[in-house]
């Protein structure tokens, strides 16, 4: 994947430049992308991936891929594997810097014992409800737990018994001893260890106590010598605890200064999608979508199956930039970035999505010939391909209208005008082929059009001398009925009908788009039969399509619409 575009300045880059000029960390830049392996990555994670890996790349540093696997009840190897694959798909490689928080559990435990011995942590035996009451509120200070005054010896004994499995889940927690009256509620003696008997995907049943994420994360950063710990704004209130913890552990000789610096940026808020893990799980579990890789979901596995490109993600993240203030990005910006990249890279092909037969009555029945279409109109070096032409073609049903509306320039039959004079049928060019004139149509017993008839003008074949002697306003695409093949095509659209799902009704499921996918059987140019999984094309007039990476079979690809040629939602929103 190309990364040639010069990065735009932002407050994080400005900070790094200032620190490098001052010699902090010796000019070293070491970042990390730290997903929890309890779900699939989504579009918001892509912003973080490009930010963290991009900063490390641009400053000659390294970015670690680290799994924050401190909650064994919700984590699995399935998620680990999917995350690894998605980060690679976006174009990044962590090299030897793949880490798991669980590999540091011994160090985290030693840090906890040090905090107890230094008087900075204690074992609390309040129930969860009692702890919540003692904690206070945003307007009222908390009050000390009656167990806060336990001696170092008692705390150490209890904590070691917690580790040995001598207490049931929930009987005790280890808390940092900071300030129960702090205006920052996160500093009111936060829990740092809990008893949890759960099998861990990496450590098995070695542990029955697990560190809290807010305790583990700073230690992981310090162990790995991270310089810039970049996270989203919801962790801003946690930064004082992050700094407090590392400062106490540095005093105890665990880490050296300068310590990692937490920096917050605005998360991605994108219209027409939900990025909440809880809501995504609900969509999957309740089968509103077909699975985590459903092309309508904003997961990265879904985006890949939809046909979105990694380079389109890069263009999108470059365009929206990095800031400290929250804001909404319209989904059309993301689609436009994908469309721009696909326009440059996708070969052109012809597909008739709603076919009706076009019969050229004056063309010999047994004859066929080749017309030639460019593989990419802006890239002539990609050459042309042969497109077979025959007496019977498939055209789009919308390219014929028995009674034409005003301004309709495609096929319509002879008709009597307002003055009572018979007017000939309309004349159009069959793209890359001949000019034809409509002579009539066939209907079934219900009046539905079953075939359109026309005559062709023999001296008007595209690319031959005199082909433009007949001027026409209409230009339609087609495939030879003899040479085309039928294939499944899935027309995907946005999963929600409103910009902020659930915003008015309160229930985001009420805003699901009933037409977010439509499965059709289309007539396709024969060359598309050789497409393999994840081959991308522009179907002329219809948009960009990809051969489905799951359901496509040899000589039988299934195509997903990635994005239309133009923003079809802009007009609807107006």
Protein backbone atom coordinates (compact mmCIF):
# COMPACT_ATOMS: atom_id res chain seq x y z
CA UNK A 1 0.00 0.00 0.00
CA UNK A 2 1.31 3.43 -0.91
CA UNK A 3 2.06 5.92 1.84
CA UNK A 4 3.55 8.64 -0.35
CA UNK A 5 1.25 11.50 0.71
CA UNK A 6 2.90 13.92 3.10
CA UNK A 7 1.17 13.71 6.51
CA UNK A 8 -0.89 16.70 7.60
CA UNK A 9 0.15 18.53 10.75
CA UNK A 10 -1.90 17.98 13.89
CA UNK A 11 -1.52 18.63 17.60
CA UNK A 12 0.09 15.23 18.24
CA UNK A 13 2.70 15.69 15.53
CA UNK A 14 3.38 19.20 16.81
CA UNK A 15 3.91 17.82 20.32
CA UNK A 16 6.27 15.11 19.08
CA UNK A 17 8.25 17.69 17.10
CA UNK A 18 8.62 19.84 20.23
CA UNK A 19 9.69 16.87 22.36
CA UNK A 20 12.17 15.67 19.77
CA UNK A 21 13.66 19.14 19.57
CA UNK A 22 14.03 19.11 23.37
CA UNK A 23 15.64 15.66 23.29
CA UNK A 24 12.93 13.90 25.29
CA UNK A 25 13.20 10.11 24.90
CA UNK A 26 16.28 10.74 22.75
CA UNK A 27 14.09 11.48 19.76
CA UNK A 28 12.53 8.01 20.00
CA UNK A 29 8.87 7.54 18.98
CA UNK A 30 7.25 4.30 20.09
CA UNK A 31 3.47 3.91 19.88
CA UNK A 32 1.07 1.03 20.30
CA UNK A 33 -2.30 -0.12 19.02
CA UNK A 34 -3.88 -1.95 22.00
CA UNK A 35 -7.17 -3.67 21.09
CA UNK A 36 -9.05 -5.80 23.58
CA UNK A 37 -9.62 -9.25 21.99
CA UNK A 38 -13.32 -9.27 22.88
CA UNK A 39 -14.79 -8.29 19.52
CA UNK A 40 -14.09 -7.38 15.93
CA UNK A 41 -12.40 -4.13 14.96
CA UNK A 42 -14.56 -1.43 13.38
CA UNK A 43 -14.11 1.75 11.36
CA UNK A 44 -13.22 3.74 14.47
CA UNK A 45 -10.33 1.38 15.16
CA UNK A 46 -9.03 2.02 11.64
CA UNK A 47 -8.52 5.67 12.56
CA UNK A 48 -6.45 4.62 15.59
CA UNK A 49 -4.47 2.09 13.54
CA UNK A 50 -3.51 4.64 10.91
CA UNK A 51 -2.68 7.20 13.60
CA UNK A 52 -0.47 4.96 15.75
CA UNK A 53 1.24 3.01 13.00
CA UNK A 54 1.48 6.13 10.84
CA UNK A 55 3.20 8.21 13.52
CA UNK A 56 5.73 5.46 14.21
CA UNK A 57 6.42 5.07 10.49
CA UNK A 58 6.81 8.77 9.83
CA UNK A 59 9.16 9.34 12.77
CA UNK A 60 11.28 6.27 12.14
CA UNK A 61 9.94 4.49 15.21
CA UNK A 62 7.93 1.35 15.84
CA UNK A 63 4.31 0.65 16.68
CA UNK A 64 3.46 -2.32 18.88
CA UNK A 65 0.40 -4.45 18.36
CA UNK A 66 -0.65 -5.37 21.87
CA UNK A 67 -3.69 -7.28 23.03
CA UNK A 68 -5.12 -5.89 26.25
CA UNK A 69 -6.43 -9.26 27.36
CA UNK A 70 -7.23 -8.61 31.02
CA UNK A 71 -10.89 -9.72 30.93
CA UNK A 72 -10.92 -13.47 30.18
CA UNK A 73 -14.72 -13.85 30.27
CA UNK A 74 -15.18 -11.96 26.98
CA UNK A 75 -11.95 -12.75 25.13
CA UNK A 76 -11.14 -15.48 22.62
CA UNK A 77 -8.55 -16.56 20.08
CA UNK A 78 -11.14 -15.94 17.34
CA UNK A 79 -10.96 -12.22 18.02
CA UNK A 80 -7.16 -12.27 18.26
CA UNK A 81 -6.88 -13.87 14.81
CA UNK A 82 -9.43 -11.51 13.26
CA UNK A 83 -7.63 -8.44 14.65
CA UNK A 84 -4.25 -9.62 13.34
CA UNK A 85 -5.75 -10.17 9.89
CA UNK A 86 -7.48 -6.77 9.82
CA UNK A 87 -4.36 -4.81 10.80
CA UNK A 88 -2.40 -6.61 8.08
CA UNK A 89 -5.17 -5.93 5.58
CA UNK A 90 -4.90 -2.21 6.29
CA UNK A 91 -1.26 -2.44 5.28
CA UNK A 92 0.66 -2.48 8.54
CA UNK A 93 3.19 -4.89 10.01
CA UNK A 94 4.23 -4.94 13.66
CA UNK A 95 7.33 -7.07 12.97
CA UNK A 96 8.59 -8.57 16.21
CA UNK A 97 6.44 -6.22 18.31
CA UNK A 98 3.42 -8.42 19.03
CA UNK A 99 2.54 -8.44 22.73
CA UNK A 100 -0.14 -9.62 25.13
CA UNK A 101 -0.97 -7.92 28.42
CA UNK A 102 -1.37 -11.39 29.91
CA UNK A 103 2.35 -12.02 29.38
CA UNK A 104 2.98 -9.29 31.97
CA UNK A 105 0.70 -10.66 34.69
CA UNK A 106 3.68 -11.61 36.88
CA UNK A 107 5.09 -8.08 36.67
CA UNK A 108 1.67 -6.55 37.31
CA UNK A 109 1.29 -8.70 40.40
CA UNK A 110 4.74 -7.66 41.65
CA UNK A 111 3.79 -4.01 41.08
CA UNK A 112 0.63 -4.54 43.12
CA UNK A 113 2.58 -6.03 46.03
CA UNK A 114 4.94 -3.05 45.89
CA UNK A 115 2.01 -0.62 46.06
CA UNK A 116 0.70 -2.47 49.14
CA UNK A 117 4.11 -2.40 50.82
CA UNK A 118 4.54 1.30 50.04
CA UNK A 119 1.11 2.09 51.53
CA UNK A 120 -0.46 2.91 48.18
CA UNK A 121 -2.93 0.00 47.93
CA UNK A 122 -5.21 -2.01 50.21
CA UNK A 123 -7.56 -4.95 50.08
CA UNK A 124 -11.18 -3.85 50.37
CA UNK A 125 -13.97 -6.22 51.45
CA UNK A 126 -16.98 -4.01 50.73
CA UNK A 127 -19.65 -5.43 48.43
CA UNK A 128 -20.01 -3.89 44.99
CA UNK A 129 -23.12 -1.98 46.09
CA UNK A 130 -21.41 -0.73 49.26
CA UNK A 131 -18.37 0.38 47.29
CA UNK A 132 -20.60 2.30 44.92
CA UNK A 133 -22.25 4.08 47.86
CA UNK A 134 -18.93 4.94 49.51
CA UNK A 135 -17.59 6.27 46.24
CA UNK A 136 -19.84 9.33 46.28
CA UNK A 137 -21.03 11.18 43.19
CA UNK A 138 -19.90 13.86 40.80
CA UNK A 139 -21.18 16.49 43.26
CA UNK A 140 -20.45 14.75 46.58
CA UNK A 141 -17.09 13.43 47.80
CA UNK A 142 -16.65 9.78 48.62
CA UNK A 143 -15.81 8.44 52.07
CA UNK A 144 -13.15 6.05 53.23
CA UNK A 145 -13.89 2.34 53.29
CA UNK A 146 -13.73 0.88 56.82
CA UNK A 147 -11.08 -1.49 55.43
CA UNK A 148 -8.86 1.33 54.15
CA UNK A 149 -6.86 1.36 57.40
CA UNK A 150 -5.78 -2.28 57.21
CA UNK A 151 -2.08 -2.76 57.93
CA UNK A 152 0.45 -3.48 55.21
CA UNK A 153 0.90 -6.99 56.62
CA UNK A 154 -2.82 -7.73 56.59
CA UNK A 155 -3.25 -6.38 53.06
CA UNK A 156 -0.31 -8.37 51.78
CA UNK A 157 -1.60 -11.55 53.43
CA UNK A 158 -5.10 -11.08 52.01
CA UNK A 159 -3.82 -10.26 48.53
CA UNK A 160 -1.64 -13.36 48.46
CA UNK A 161 -4.60 -15.46 49.58
CA UNK A 162 -6.66 -13.88 46.79
CA UNK A 163 -4.05 -15.08 44.34
CA UNK A 164 -4.00 -18.55 45.92
CA UNK A 165 -7.74 -18.91 45.28
CA UNK A 166 -8.78 -18.97 48.95
CA UNK A 167 -11.71 -16.55 48.47
CA UNK A 168 -14.80 -16.69 46.24
CA UNK A 169 -15.26 -14.29 43.34
CA UNK A 170 -16.25 -10.83 44.54
CA UNK A 171 -15.15 -11.36 48.16
CA UNK A 172 -12.36 -8.79 47.96
CA UNK A 173 -10.75 -6.33 45.56
CA UNK A 174 -7.40 -4.60 45.68
CA UNK A 175 -7.75 -0.82 45.50
CA UNK A 176 -5.25 1.97 44.98
CA UNK A 177 -5.12 4.31 48.00
CA UNK A 178 -5.32 7.83 46.59
CA UNK A 179 -8.03 10.31 47.66
CA UNK A 180 -11.70 9.52 48.29
CA UNK A 181 -12.49 13.26 48.24
CA UNK A 182 -10.88 13.91 44.84
CA UNK A 183 -13.07 15.88 42.41
CA UNK A 184 -11.92 13.35 39.79
CA UNK A 185 -13.99 10.30 40.65
CA UNK A 186 -11.40 8.07 38.94
CA UNK A 187 -8.94 8.90 41.73
CA UNK A 188 -11.26 7.77 44.52
CA UNK A 189 -9.34 4.61 45.31
CA UNK A 190 -9.97 2.78 42.02
CA UNK A 191 -10.03 -1.02 42.01
CA UNK A 192 -6.91 -2.50 40.46
CA UNK A 193 -7.40 -6.27 40.99
CA UNK A 194 -10.48 -8.48 41.28
CA UNK A 195 -11.07 -12.17 41.88
CA UNK A 196 -12.37 -13.82 38.72
CA UNK A 197 -12.29 -17.54 38.10
CA UNK A 198 -12.34 -17.66 34.33
CA UNK A 199 -10.29 -19.56 31.78
CA UNK A 200 -7.94 -17.24 29.90
CA UNK A 201 -7.24 -17.76 26.20
CA UNK A 202 -3.50 -17.22 26.76
CA UNK A 203 -2.70 -18.13 30.38
CA UNK A 204 -5.30 -20.86 30.86
CA UNK A 205 -6.18 -21.38 34.53
CA UNK A 206 -2.93 -20.04 35.98
CA UNK A 207 -4.65 -17.01 37.52
CA UNK A 208 -7.83 -16.51 39.48
CA UNK A 209 -7.22 -12.78 39.99
CA UNK A 210 -6.99 -10.36 37.10
CA UNK A 211 -5.85 -6.74 36.87
CA UNK A 212 -8.30 -4.01 35.89
CA UNK A 213 -7.73 -2.46 32.46
CA UNK A 214 -6.96 1.00 33.87
CA UNK A 215 -4.26 -0.51 36.07
CA UNK A 216 -2.80 -2.87 33.50
CA UNK A 217 -2.60 -0.48 30.57
CA UNK A 218 -0.08 2.04 31.99
CA UNK A 219 2.15 -0.81 33.20
CA UNK A 220 2.06 -2.41 29.74
CA UNK A 221 3.09 0.91 28.18
CA UNK A 222 5.98 1.30 30.64
CA UNK A 223 7.21 -2.28 30.21
CA UNK A 224 7.30 -1.79 26.44
CA UNK A 225 8.97 1.65 26.71
CA UNK A 226 6.11 3.34 24.87
CA UNK A 227 6.69 7.07 24.43
CA UNK A 228 3.26 8.24 23.30
CA UNK A 229 0.22 6.34 24.57
CA UNK A 230 -2.50 7.66 22.27
CA UNK A 231 -6.14 7.03 23.17
CA UNK A 232 -9.57 8.58 22.68
CA UNK A 233 -11.07 11.41 24.70
CA UNK A 234 -13.12 9.22 27.03
CA UNK A 235 -9.85 8.27 28.74
CA UNK A 236 -8.91 11.88 29.48
CA UNK A 237 -10.28 11.66 33.02
CA UNK A 238 -8.20 8.51 33.55
CA UNK A 239 -4.92 10.25 32.73
CA UNK A 240 -4.31 11.44 36.34
CA UNK A 241 -4.47 7.81 37.52
CA UNK A 242 -2.24 6.73 34.62
CA UNK A 243 0.38 9.29 35.71
CA UNK A 244 -0.07 8.58 39.46
CA UNK A 245 0.44 4.85 39.00
CA UNK A 246 3.56 5.09 36.83
CA UNK A 247 5.03 7.74 39.11
CA UNK A 248 4.63 5.49 42.17
CA UNK A 249 6.09 2.51 40.33
CA UNK A 250 9.02 4.57 39.03
CA UNK A 251 9.70 5.65 42.63
CA UNK A 252 9.79 1.94 43.48
CA UNK A 253 12.38 1.23 40.81
CA UNK A 254 10.14 -0.63 38.42
CA UNK A 255 10.44 1.90 35.58
CA UNK A 256 12.76 4.71 34.55
CA UNK A 257 11.84 8.23 33.57
CA UNK A 258 10.77 9.78 31.28
CA UNK A 259 7.59 7.73 31.57
CA UNK A 260 5.05 7.12 28.78
CA UNK A 261 2.77 10.06 28.07
CA UNK A 262 -0.95 9.57 27.54
CA UNK A 263 -2.41 11.77 24.78
CA UNK A 264 -6.11 11.88 23.92
CA UNK A 265 -7.74 12.59 20.56
CA UNK A 266 -11.33 12.71 19.33
CA UNK A 267 -12.78 9.33 18.40
CA UNK A 268 -14.47 8.75 15.06
CA UNK A 269 -18.17 9.67 15.07
CA UNK A 270 -19.62 8.60 11.74
CA UNK A 271 -23.19 9.13 10.57
CA UNK A 272 -25.43 6.23 9.47
CA UNK A 273 -23.51 3.62 11.49
CA UNK A 274 -23.24 2.44 15.07
CA UNK A 275 -19.77 1.81 16.49
CA UNK A 276 -20.86 0.80 19.98
CA UNK A 277 -19.62 -2.71 20.72
CA UNK A 278 -22.84 -3.44 22.59
CA UNK A 279 -24.99 -2.42 19.63
CA UNK A 280 -22.87 -4.33 17.14
CA UNK A 281 -23.19 -7.46 19.28
CA UNK A 282 -26.96 -6.93 19.41
CA UNK A 283 -27.16 -6.65 15.62
CA UNK A 284 -25.26 -9.92 15.23
CA UNK A 285 -26.87 -11.88 18.06
CA UNK A 286 -30.42 -10.90 17.06
CA UNK A 287 -29.59 -11.73 13.42
CA UNK A 288 -30.38 -8.32 11.99
CA UNK A 289 -27.23 -9.02 9.95
CA UNK A 290 -25.69 -12.29 8.77
CA UNK A 291 -22.61 -12.17 11.01
CA UNK A 292 -19.61 -10.08 12.00
CA UNK A 293 -18.45 -9.93 8.39
CA UNK A 294 -21.80 -8.84 7.00
CA UNK A 295 -20.93 -6.20 4.36
CA UNK A 296 -23.41 -3.78 5.93
CA UNK A 297 -21.62 -3.74 9.30
CA UNK A 298 -18.93 -1.13 10.06
CA UNK A 299 -16.56 -3.89 11.19
CA UNK A 300 -13.29 -4.11 9.29
CA UNK A 301 -14.07 -7.71 8.28
CA UNK A 302 -17.42 -6.46 6.97
CA UNK A 303 -15.80 -3.52 5.19
CA UNK A 304 -13.31 -5.82 3.50
CA UNK A 305 -16.08 -8.16 2.36
CA UNK A 306 -18.03 -5.14 1.10
CA UNK A 307 -15.08 -4.35 -1.17
CA UNK A 308 -13.78 -1.24 0.58
CA UNK A 309 -10.06 -0.77 0.06
CA UNK A 310 -7.29 -0.23 2.58
CA UNK A 311 -6.05 2.71 0.52
CA UNK A 312 -9.54 4.22 0.80
CA UNK A 313 -9.25 4.03 4.59
CA UNK A 314 -5.92 5.83 4.44
CA UNK A 315 -7.38 8.56 2.23
CA UNK A 316 -10.30 8.92 4.63
CA UNK A 317 -8.18 9.18 7.78
CA UNK A 318 -5.86 11.64 6.06
CA UNK A 319 -8.85 13.76 5.06
CA UNK A 320 -10.60 13.91 8.44
CA UNK A 321 -7.37 14.50 10.38
CA UNK A 322 -6.81 14.34 14.14
CA UNK A 323 -8.25 16.80 16.65
CA UNK A 324 -9.06 17.26 20.34
CA UNK A 325 -12.73 18.13 19.77
CA UNK A 326 -15.55 15.71 19.00
CA UNK A 327 -17.54 16.11 15.81
CA UNK A 328 -19.55 14.11 13.30
CA UNK A 329 -18.21 12.98 9.94
CA UNK A 330 -20.79 12.27 7.26
CA UNK A 331 -20.63 8.75 5.89
CA UNK A 332 -20.58 10.17 2.37
CA UNK A 333 -17.02 11.42 3.04
CA UNK A 334 -15.91 7.84 3.69
CA UNK A 335 -17.75 6.61 0.59
CA UNK A 336 -16.22 9.37 -1.52
CA UNK A 337 -12.70 8.35 -0.44
CA UNK A 338 -13.41 4.74 -1.33
CA UNK A 339 -14.96 5.79 -4.64
CA UNK A 340 -11.90 7.85 -5.55
CA UNK A 341 -9.54 4.93 -4.94
CA UNK A 342 -11.78 2.45 -6.74
CA UNK A 343 -12.13 4.78 -9.71
CA UNK A 344 -8.36 4.69 -10.16
CA UNK A 345 -7.91 0.96 -9.69
CA UNK A 346 -11.04 -0.91 -10.79
CA UNK A 347 -11.25 -2.34 -14.32
CA UNK A 348 -14.50 -1.66 -16.15
CA UNK A 349 -16.98 -4.38 -17.01
CA UNK A 350 -20.59 -4.57 -18.21
CA UNK A 351 -23.45 -5.97 -16.16
CA UNK A 352 -27.19 -5.77 -16.75
CA UNK A 353 -28.85 -5.84 -13.36
CA UNK A 354 -32.53 -5.74 -14.38
CA UNK A 355 -32.47 -7.46 -17.76
CA UNK A 356 -34.99 -7.41 -20.57
CA UNK A 357 -34.32 -8.92 -24.00
CA UNK A 358 -33.45 -6.63 -26.93
CA UNK A 359 -33.94 -8.34 -30.31
CA UNK A 360 -32.25 -6.79 -33.37
CA UNK A 361 -34.58 -8.06 -36.06
CA UNK A 362 -32.40 -7.16 -39.05
CA UNK A 363 -29.21 -8.74 -37.63
CA UNK A 364 -28.42 -12.26 -38.88
CA UNK A 365 -29.54 -14.90 -36.35
CA UNK A 366 -26.41 -17.06 -36.44
CA UNK A 367 -23.93 -14.19 -36.59
CA UNK A 368 -21.81 -12.68 -33.84
CA UNK A 369 -18.90 -10.27 -33.85
CA UNK A 370 -16.58 -8.57 -31.42
CA UNK A 371 -16.90 -5.04 -30.19
CA UNK A 372 -14.07 -3.57 -28.15
CA UNK A 373 -14.34 -1.84 -24.78
CA UNK A 374 -11.52 -0.22 -22.78
CA UNK A 375 -10.55 -1.90 -19.52
CA UNK A 376 -10.12 1.56 -18.02
CA UNK A 377 -11.01 4.75 -19.97
CA UNK A 378 -8.42 6.86 -18.09
CA UNK A 379 -5.68 4.24 -18.42
CA UNK A 380 -5.30 3.36 -22.12
CA UNK A 381 -2.21 1.26 -21.35
CA UNK A 382 -4.55 -1.35 -19.84
CA UNK A 383 -5.84 -2.00 -23.34
CA UNK A 384 -9.23 -3.15 -24.59
CA UNK A 385 -11.17 -6.38 -24.38
CA UNK A 386 -13.47 -8.04 -26.86
CA UNK A 387 -17.20 -7.85 -26.06
CA UNK A 388 -19.29 -10.25 -28.20
CA UNK A 389 -22.25 -8.80 -30.09
CA UNK A 390 -25.18 -10.84 -31.41
CA UNK A 391 -28.80 -10.60 -32.55
CA UNK A 392 -30.25 -10.90 -29.04
CA UNK A 393 -28.93 -8.75 -26.23
CA UNK A 394 -29.78 -8.03 -22.61
CA UNK A 395 -30.42 -4.37 -21.75
CA UNK A 396 -31.62 -2.67 -18.59
CA UNK A 397 -35.41 -2.62 -18.24
CA UNK A 398 -35.24 1.10 -17.45
CA UNK A 399 -33.63 1.73 -20.87
CA UNK A 400 -36.98 1.15 -22.57
CA UNK A 401 -40.13 3.14 -21.97
CA UNK A 402 -43.28 2.45 -23.97
CA UNK A 403 -44.62 5.95 -23.36
CA UNK A 404 -41.54 8.15 -22.87
CA UNK A 405 -41.47 10.89 -20.29
CA UNK A 406 -40.16 14.34 -21.16
CA UNK A 407 -36.39 14.31 -21.62
CA UNK A 408 -36.20 10.52 -21.99
CA UNK A 409 -33.56 9.74 -24.64
CA UNK A 410 -33.34 5.96 -24.44
CA UNK A 411 -35.42 3.39 -26.35
CA UNK A 412 -39.11 3.97 -27.04
CA UNK A 413 -41.29 2.63 -29.89
CA UNK A 414 -42.96 4.51 -32.78
CA UNK A 415 -45.83 6.67 -31.55
CA UNK A 416 -48.43 9.12 -32.72
CA UNK A 417 -47.61 12.67 -31.62
CA UNK A 418 -50.01 15.38 -30.47
CA UNK A 419 -50.60 16.41 -34.09
CA UNK A 420 -51.68 12.89 -35.01
CA UNK A 421 -48.52 12.17 -36.99
CA UNK A 422 -46.72 8.83 -36.59
CA UNK A 423 -43.21 9.40 -35.26
CA UNK A 424 -40.47 6.77 -35.60
CA UNK A 425 -39.06 4.90 -32.62
CA UNK A 426 -36.12 6.48 -30.85
CA UNK A 427 -32.54 5.88 -31.91
CA UNK A 428 -29.72 5.19 -29.44
CA UNK A 429 -26.18 3.90 -29.53
CA UNK A 430 -25.42 0.54 -28.02
CA UNK A 431 -22.23 1.46 -26.19
CA UNK A 432 -19.14 0.13 -28.04
CA UNK A 433 -21.52 -1.26 -30.69
CA UNK A 434 -24.04 -0.08 -33.24
CA UNK A 435 -26.74 2.55 -33.40
CA UNK A 436 -30.21 0.96 -33.22
CA UNK A 437 -33.73 2.25 -33.74
CA UNK A 438 -36.62 0.92 -31.67
CA UNK A 439 -39.46 -0.67 -33.66
CA UNK A 440 -41.70 -2.05 -30.91
CA UNK A 441 -41.99 -4.48 -28.03
CA UNK A 442 -43.59 -7.76 -26.91
CA UNK A 443 -45.82 -8.11 -23.86
CA UNK A 444 -47.21 -10.96 -21.83
CA UNK A 445 -50.85 -11.48 -20.89
CA UNK A 446 -50.48 -9.07 -17.99
CA UNK A 447 -49.07 -6.30 -20.13
CA UNK A 448 -45.49 -6.65 -18.87
CA UNK A 449 -42.73 -6.02 -21.40
CA UNK A 450 -41.02 -9.30 -22.32
CA UNK A 451 -38.83 -8.12 -25.21
CA UNK A 452 -37.91 -4.95 -27.08
CA UNK A 453 -37.40 -4.93 -30.84
CA UNK A 454 -35.16 -2.73 -32.95
CA UNK A 455 -33.20 -2.50 -36.19
CA UNK A 456 -29.50 -1.72 -36.34
CA UNK A 457 -27.70 0.65 -38.72
CA UNK A 458 -24.84 -1.43 -40.19
CA UNK A 459 -22.36 1.41 -40.81
CA UNK A 460 -22.43 2.80 -37.28
CA UNK A 461 -20.24 0.37 -35.32
CA UNK A 462 -18.07 2.17 -32.77
CA UNK A 463 -14.45 2.48 -33.80
CA UNK A 464 -15.11 2.15 -37.54
CA UNK A 465 -14.95 4.97 -40.15
CA UNK A 466 -18.20 6.94 -40.29
CA UNK A 467 -19.52 5.43 -37.06
CA UNK A 468 -20.55 8.86 -35.79
CA UNK A 469 -22.46 9.84 -38.93
CA UNK A 470 -25.73 9.27 -37.10
CA UNK A 471 -26.12 11.57 -34.10
CA UNK A 472 -28.01 10.23 -31.11
CA UNK A 473 -28.68 11.50 -27.59
CA UNK A 474 -29.01 8.14 -25.87
CA UNK A 475 -26.24 5.65 -25.08
CA UNK A 476 -27.07 2.38 -23.34
CA UNK A 477 -25.07 -0.65 -22.22
CA UNK A 478 -25.79 -4.27 -23.07
CA UNK A 479 -24.47 -7.82 -23.05
CA UNK A 480 -24.97 -10.49 -25.67
CA UNK A 481 -27.67 -12.92 -24.54
CA UNK A 482 -25.77 -15.74 -26.23
CA UNK A 483 -22.50 -14.99 -24.47
CA UNK A 484 -23.58 -13.52 -21.12
CA UNK A 485 -24.01 -15.55 -17.98
CA UNK A 486 -26.33 -15.22 -15.00
CA UNK A 487 -24.83 -14.47 -11.59
CA UNK A 488 -25.93 -13.52 -8.10
CA UNK A 489 -25.38 -9.85 -7.31
CA UNK A 490 -26.00 -8.30 -3.91
CA UNK A 491 -26.93 -4.64 -3.87
CA UNK A 492 -25.83 -3.34 -0.47
CA UNK A 493 -26.86 0.01 0.91
CA UNK A 494 -26.56 1.75 4.27
CA UNK A 495 -27.77 -0.28 7.23
CA UNK A 496 -29.64 2.66 8.78
CA UNK A 497 -31.99 5.25 7.30
CA UNK A 498 -31.08 8.07 9.68
CA UNK A 499 -27.81 9.89 10.24
CA UNK A 500 -27.77 9.16 13.98
CA UNK A 501 -29.55 5.83 14.55
CA UNK A 502 -31.79 5.86 17.60
CA UNK A 503 -31.43 9.61 17.94
CA UNK A 504 -35.13 10.43 17.91
CA UNK A 505 -36.82 7.12 18.73
CA UNK A 506 -34.31 6.07 21.37
CA UNK A 507 -34.07 2.61 19.81
CA UNK A 508 -31.50 2.36 17.03
CA UNK A 509 -33.19 -0.79 15.69
CA UNK A 510 -36.18 1.32 14.68
CA UNK A 511 -33.94 3.03 12.14
CA UNK A 512 -32.80 -0.12 10.34
CA UNK A 513 -33.01 0.18 6.56
CA UNK A 514 -35.34 -2.51 5.24
CA UNK A 515 -33.69 -2.16 1.81
CA UNK A 516 -30.09 -2.37 3.01
CA UNK A 517 -29.52 -5.45 0.84
CA UNK A 518 -31.27 -6.71 -2.27
CA UNK A 519 -30.20 -9.97 -3.91
CA UNK A 520 -30.74 -10.16 -7.67
CA UNK A 521 -29.71 -12.37 -10.56
CA UNK A 522 -28.07 -10.28 -13.24
CA UNK A 523 -26.71 -10.89 -16.73
CA UNK A 524 -22.97 -10.29 -16.77
CA UNK A 525 -20.26 -9.93 -19.35
CA UNK A 526 -18.59 -13.32 -19.75
CA UNK A 527 -15.17 -11.98 -18.72
CA UNK A 528 -16.50 -11.56 -15.18
CA UNK A 529 -16.89 -15.32 -14.83
CA UNK A 530 -13.14 -15.61 -14.26
CA UNK A 531 -13.16 -13.15 -11.34
CA UNK A 532 -11.67 -14.46 -8.11
CA UNK A 533 -12.41 -13.48 -4.52
CA UNK A 534 -11.82 -9.74 -3.86
CA UNK A 535 -11.39 -8.82 -7.53
CA UNK A 536 -12.94 -5.38 -7.95
CA UNK A 537 -14.67 -3.85 -10.95
CA UNK A 538 -16.72 -0.90 -11.98
CA UNK A 539 -19.94 -2.15 -13.47
CA UNK A 540 -20.61 0.61 -15.97
CA UNK A 541 -23.45 2.90 -14.83
CA UNK A 542 -24.02 0.89 -11.65
CA UNK A 543 -21.07 1.45 -9.34
CA UNK A 544 -18.18 -0.55 -7.91
CA UNK A 545 -18.49 -4.25 -7.18
CA UNK A 546 -16.30 -6.92 -5.61
CA UNK A 547 -16.27 -10.69 -5.91
CA UNK A 548 -17.40 -11.86 -2.48
CA UNK A 549 -14.45 -13.29 -0.53
CA UNK A 550 -16.61 -15.92 1.22
CA UNK A 551 -19.24 -17.14 -1.24
CA UNK A 552 -17.44 -16.85 -4.58
CA UNK A 553 -16.49 -20.16 -6.20
CA UNK A 554 -14.27 -20.91 -9.24
CA UNK A 555 -16.12 -19.74 -12.38
CA UNK A 556 -19.06 -18.71 -10.18
CA UNK A 557 -18.23 -15.44 -8.41
CA UNK A 558 -20.87 -13.70 -6.33
CA UNK A 559 -20.66 -9.91 -6.55
CA UNK A 560 -21.28 -7.34 -3.81
CA UNK A 561 -21.91 -3.70 -4.58
CA UNK A 562 -19.30 -1.69 -2.71
CA UNK A 563 -20.47 1.82 -3.49
CA UNK A 564 -22.52 3.56 -6.18
CA UNK A 565 -20.94 5.86 -8.77
CA UNK A 566 -22.42 8.93 -7.10
CA UNK A 567 -23.74 9.75 -3.65
CA UNK A 568 -27.32 8.57 -4.01
CA UNK A 569 -28.15 9.70 -0.46
CA UNK A 570 -27.46 13.39 -0.96
CA UNK A 571 -30.59 13.91 -3.03
CA UNK A 572 -32.68 11.78 -0.66
CA UNK A 573 -31.52 13.80 2.35
CA UNK A 574 -32.49 17.06 0.66
